[in-house]
Protein backbone atom coordinates (compact mmCIF):
# COMPACT_ATOMS: atom_id res chain seq x y z
CA MET A 1 -57.71 10.53 240.21
CA ILE A 2 -57.99 11.53 236.53
CA VAL A 3 -61.24 10.21 235.01
CA THR A 4 -61.84 10.76 231.34
CA THR A 5 -64.01 9.43 228.51
CA THR A 6 -61.05 9.45 226.09
CA ASP A 7 -58.47 6.81 225.58
CA ASN A 8 -55.47 9.05 226.17
CA ILE A 9 -54.52 12.28 228.01
CA ALA A 10 -52.32 14.93 226.55
CA GLY A 11 -48.99 15.16 228.43
CA TYR A 12 -49.18 11.62 229.90
CA LYS A 13 -48.14 8.27 228.64
CA LEU A 14 -49.63 4.88 229.64
CA ARG A 15 -47.34 2.99 231.95
CA GLN A 16 -49.68 0.08 232.93
CA THR A 17 -53.17 -1.09 232.23
CA LEU A 18 -54.76 -2.66 235.35
CA GLY A 19 -58.10 -3.72 233.89
CA GLN A 20 -61.75 -2.81 234.24
CA CYS A 21 -63.08 -0.87 237.18
CA PHE A 22 -66.68 -0.06 237.97
CA GLY A 23 -69.11 1.43 240.45
CA VAL A 24 -72.73 0.29 240.78
CA VAL A 25 -75.68 2.09 242.41
CA VAL A 26 -79.31 0.99 242.63
CA ARG A 27 -81.77 3.66 243.64
CA SER A 28 -85.50 3.94 244.24
CA ARG A 29 -87.68 6.97 244.78
CA GLY A 30 -89.81 6.86 247.88
CA ILE A 31 -93.59 6.75 247.51
CA GLY A 32 -93.86 10.50 247.77
CA GLY A 33 -91.36 11.03 245.02
CA ASN A 34 -93.09 8.51 242.80
CA MET A 35 -96.46 10.22 243.38
CA MET A 36 -95.01 13.64 242.51
CA ALA A 37 -93.34 12.21 239.45
CA GLY A 38 -96.53 10.54 238.32
CA LEU A 39 -98.45 13.85 238.66
CA ARG A 40 -95.69 15.66 236.68
CA SER A 41 -95.77 13.02 233.94
CA ILE A 42 -99.46 13.81 233.31
CA VAL A 43 -98.65 17.48 232.56
CA GLY A 44 -95.40 16.74 230.70
CA GLY A 45 -91.96 18.28 230.99
CA GLU A 46 -88.97 17.44 233.14
CA ILE A 47 -89.57 15.18 236.13
CA LYS A 48 -87.19 16.85 238.56
CA GLU A 49 -87.52 14.12 241.22
CA TYR A 50 -86.06 11.51 238.88
CA THR A 51 -83.48 13.89 237.38
CA SER A 52 -82.09 14.60 240.87
CA MET A 53 -82.07 10.88 241.72
CA LEU A 54 -80.19 9.94 238.59
CA GLU A 55 -77.65 12.80 238.98
CA GLU A 56 -76.92 11.71 242.54
CA ALA A 57 -76.72 8.05 241.47
CA ARG A 58 -74.18 8.94 238.78
CA ARG A 59 -72.05 10.83 241.25
CA HIS A 60 -72.14 7.88 243.71
CA ALA A 61 -71.32 5.42 240.86
CA ILE A 62 -68.28 7.53 239.90
CA ASP A 63 -67.09 7.71 243.52
CA ARG A 64 -67.45 3.90 243.81
CA MET A 65 -65.55 3.40 240.53
CA VAL A 66 -62.76 5.72 241.63
CA THR A 67 -62.51 3.73 244.95
CA ASN A 68 -62.35 0.46 242.97
CA ALA A 69 -59.57 1.85 240.72
CA THR A 70 -57.65 3.23 243.67
CA MET A 71 -57.72 -0.24 245.32
CA MET A 72 -56.25 -1.60 242.11
CA GLY A 73 -53.36 0.89 242.25
CA ALA A 74 -54.54 3.11 239.47
CA ASN A 75 -54.06 6.91 239.20
CA ALA A 76 -56.45 7.33 236.24
CA ILE A 77 -59.54 5.86 234.58
CA LEU A 78 -59.76 5.94 230.81
CA VAL A 79 -62.79 5.42 228.48
CA MET A 80 -65.23 6.03 231.29
CA ARG A 81 -68.83 5.28 230.46
CA PHE A 82 -72.26 5.15 232.13
CA ASP A 83 -74.88 2.47 231.73
CA SER A 84 -78.32 2.41 233.28
CA SER A 85 -81.32 0.19 233.47
CA GLU A 86 -84.61 -0.14 235.23
CA MET A 87 -85.12 -2.86 237.82
CA GLY A 88 -88.73 -3.50 238.50
CA GLU A 89 -90.94 -0.45 238.23
CA THR A 90 -89.43 1.73 240.90
CA MET A 91 -85.69 1.13 240.87
CA SER A 92 -82.91 2.34 238.60
CA GLU A 93 -79.44 0.91 238.26
CA VAL A 94 -76.53 3.13 237.30
CA VAL A 95 -73.11 1.74 236.51
CA ALA A 96 -69.94 3.79 235.88
CA TYR A 97 -67.14 1.85 234.28
CA GLY A 98 -63.81 2.26 232.56
CA THR A 99 -60.19 1.08 232.37
CA ALA A 100 -58.01 1.53 235.43
CA VAL A 101 -54.53 2.52 234.37
CA VAL A 102 -51.27 4.00 235.73
CA LEU A 103 -50.22 7.13 233.85
CA GLU A 104 -46.92 9.06 234.09
CA PRO A 105 -46.00 12.51 232.73
CA ALA A 106 -44.68 12.25 229.15
């Protein structure tokens, strides 16, 4: 599956636009991770516990988006983007979304 943030891909032409596709992940750090992150926030600098959590959440969101696009019959996703938000004080939502399309070699 080709996934890109651009609206076209060199060497391919758009055959069919299938519509939006997305993958959603909601994650929460455990109490230990939250405590470590809280301690790190006092000192300043990168909070590695949250960085790791969000990187993993983005990977899972992309995987779910690709699964969604595959079920739609797509072989590519164009104009892929991420969105994220906080849910409560301990949860983060990550959404990967884009346009599911069928491409063919030009």
